[in-house]
């Protein structure tokens, strides 16, 4: 089984965010950083070269030998959009009022994609991040370990 390439690093979140271009994407990423820190109470950690993650948990697959660590939640200011790791795999989540009231966005692969924060209702986004954080904490439990 291959090893995950995206792992926590000691890279500076602040330095990464300073490098984000264009300026509006950097400002949006800085706002997301403040929002995620406030909601999670966790210190941000760089995962790989471009993901800002909050919290982590250990997982093991009961069907294969795959195991490792993954972030509880996070975001990445990618070239095409802001990618938020807050959506559960269930397609039922996409039918909630929050998604309908969020504004311009896309969902896929367990992620929420937005072009810029100005396109969405930020109060709705904050509520979604908080609910996703609480669901994830329940799912992984106090020991932050999951056997899949």
Protein backbone atom coordinates (compact mmCIF):
# COMPACT_ATOMS: atom_id res chain seq x y z
CA UNK A 1 0.00 0.00 0.00
CA UNK A 2 1.41 3.38 -0.94
CA UNK A 3 2.01 6.03 1.68
CA UNK A 4 0.11 9.32 1.69
CA UNK A 5 2.09 12.21 0.25
CA UNK A 6 0.22 14.87 2.21
CA UNK A 7 1.55 14.91 5.74
CA UNK A 8 1.94 17.51 8.47
CA UNK A 9 5.10 19.59 8.08
CA UNK A 10 6.99 22.15 10.13
CA UNK A 11 6.59 24.78 7.38
CA UNK A 12 5.30 28.18 8.44
CA UNK A 13 1.61 28.81 7.82
CA UNK A 14 2.26 32.58 7.89
CA UNK A 15 5.02 32.32 5.28
CA UNK A 16 2.83 30.14 3.06
CA UNK A 17 -0.08 32.57 3.24
CA UNK A 18 2.22 35.52 2.44
CA UNK A 19 3.17 33.75 -0.79
CA UNK A 20 -0.43 33.31 -1.98
CA UNK A 21 -1.28 35.25 -5.15
CA UNK A 22 -3.26 37.19 -6.20
CA UNK A 23 -3.69 39.60 -3.31
CA UNK A 24 -7.44 39.01 -2.92
CA UNK A 25 -6.92 35.25 -2.60
CA UNK A 26 -4.28 35.91 0.07
CA UNK A 27 -6.66 38.19 1.99
CA UNK A 28 -9.41 35.57 1.76
CA UNK A 29 -7.00 32.89 3.00
CA UNK A 30 -5.99 35.08 5.93
CA UNK A 31 -9.68 35.55 6.82
CA UNK A 32 -10.20 31.78 6.63
CA UNK A 33 -7.22 31.26 8.92
CA UNK A 34 -8.78 33.51 11.57
CA UNK A 35 -12.17 31.81 11.18
CA UNK A 36 -10.85 28.24 11.41
CA UNK A 37 -8.64 29.08 14.42
CA UNK A 38 -11.59 30.66 16.22
CA UNK A 39 -13.94 27.75 15.54
CA UNK A 40 -11.54 24.86 16.15
CA UNK A 41 -9.33 26.33 18.87
CA UNK A 42 -6.49 24.45 17.18
CA UNK A 43 -3.10 25.67 16.02
CA UNK A 44 -2.83 25.67 12.19
CA UNK A 45 -0.36 23.23 10.65
CA UNK A 46 0.84 23.00 7.07
CA UNK A 47 -0.08 19.70 5.44
CA UNK A 48 2.14 19.18 2.44
CA UNK A 49 2.98 22.38 0.63
CA UNK A 50 -0.43 23.99 0.24
CA UNK A 51 -3.00 22.89 2.83
CA UNK A 52 -3.57 24.64 6.15
CA UNK A 53 -4.97 22.03 8.53
CA UNK A 54 -6.45 22.10 12.01
CA UNK A 55 -6.35 19.16 14.38
CA UNK A 56 -5.45 15.65 13.30
CA UNK A 57 -6.48 12.08 13.85
CA UNK A 58 -5.01 8.65 13.29
CA UNK A 59 -6.80 6.24 10.99
CA UNK A 60 -6.37 2.58 10.15
CA UNK A 61 -8.15 0.56 7.50
CA UNK A 62 -9.54 -2.79 8.59
CA UNK A 63 -9.58 -3.92 4.93
CA UNK A 64 -6.02 -3.00 4.02
CA UNK A 65 -2.76 -2.12 5.69
CA UNK A 66 -3.27 1.59 5.07
CA UNK A 67 -2.91 3.82 8.09
CA UNK A 68 -1.76 7.31 8.84
CA UNK A 69 -2.73 10.74 10.07
CA UNK A 70 -5.08 13.24 8.51
CA UNK A 71 -6.29 16.68 9.44
CA UNK A 72 -9.66 17.14 11.10
CA UNK A 73 -10.44 20.14 8.86
CA UNK A 74 -8.66 22.78 6.83
CA UNK A 75 -8.41 24.80 3.66
CA UNK A 76 -6.16 25.50 0.72
CA UNK A 77 -6.00 28.69 -1.35
CA UNK A 78 -5.52 27.00 -4.72
CA UNK A 79 -5.08 28.78 -8.02
CA UNK A 80 -8.57 27.92 -9.26
CA UNK A 81 -10.46 28.42 -5.99
CA UNK A 82 -10.47 28.29 -2.21
CA UNK A 83 -10.80 24.63 -1.22
CA UNK A 84 -12.31 23.90 2.19
CA UNK A 85 -12.10 20.43 3.69
CA UNK A 86 -15.41 20.57 5.56
CA UNK A 87 -17.88 18.43 3.59
CA UNK A 88 -18.70 14.90 4.67
CA UNK A 89 -18.85 12.26 1.95
CA UNK A 90 -22.62 11.90 2.21
CA UNK A 91 -24.53 13.54 -0.61
CA UNK A 92 -27.26 14.28 1.97
CA UNK A 93 -25.12 17.12 3.36
CA UNK A 94 -25.46 18.96 0.05
CA UNK A 95 -29.23 19.15 0.54
CA UNK A 96 -29.10 21.08 3.82
CA UNK A 97 -30.35 24.69 4.04
CA UNK A 98 -26.80 25.86 4.68
CA UNK A 99 -25.71 24.82 1.20
CA UNK A 100 -28.75 26.47 -0.36
CA UNK A 101 -28.08 29.73 1.51
CA UNK A 102 -24.30 29.75 1.16
CA UNK A 103 -23.99 31.49 -2.19
CA UNK A 104 -21.88 30.62 -5.23
CA UNK A 105 -19.99 27.38 -4.57
CA UNK A 106 -19.29 23.84 -5.77
CA UNK A 107 -19.00 20.59 -3.85
CA UNK A 108 -17.05 17.49 -4.78
CA UNK A 109 -14.67 14.91 -3.39
CA UNK A 110 -15.40 15.86 0.21
CA UNK A 111 -14.52 19.52 -0.41
CA UNK A 112 -16.31 22.83 -0.68
CA UNK A 113 -15.00 25.05 -3.47
CA UNK A 114 -15.54 28.80 -3.57
CA UNK A 115 -13.95 31.37 -5.85
CA UNK A 116 -13.80 34.16 -3.28
CA UNK A 117 -15.30 34.93 0.10
CA UNK A 118 -17.29 37.81 -1.40
CA UNK A 119 -19.33 35.22 -3.34
CA UNK A 120 -20.78 33.64 -0.20
CA UNK A 121 -22.58 34.41 3.04
CA UNK A 122 -19.74 34.23 5.56
CA UNK A 123 -22.07 33.69 8.52
CA UNK A 124 -23.43 30.60 6.79
CA UNK A 125 -19.88 29.46 6.06
CA UNK A 126 -18.90 29.88 9.73
CA UNK A 127 -21.89 27.79 10.76
CA UNK A 128 -20.95 25.09 8.24
CA UNK A 129 -17.33 24.96 9.44
CA UNK A 130 -18.48 24.72 13.07
CA UNK A 131 -20.96 21.93 12.31
CA UNK A 132 -18.36 20.03 10.26
CA UNK A 133 -15.83 20.39 13.11
CA UNK A 134 -18.33 19.09 15.67
CA UNK A 135 -19.33 16.14 13.44
CA UNK A 136 -15.69 15.22 12.89
CA UNK A 137 -14.92 15.37 16.63
CA UNK A 138 -17.82 12.99 17.32
CA UNK A 139 -16.73 10.68 14.51
CA UNK A 140 -13.11 10.34 15.62
CA UNK A 141 -13.87 10.42 19.34
CA UNK A 142 -11.74 11.73 22.19
CA UNK A 143 -8.73 9.56 21.30
CA UNK A 144 -8.85 10.88 17.73
CA UNK A 145 -8.46 7.43 16.24
CA UNK A 146 -10.63 5.82 13.59
CA UNK A 147 -10.70 2.27 12.26
CA UNK A 148 -12.36 2.30 8.87
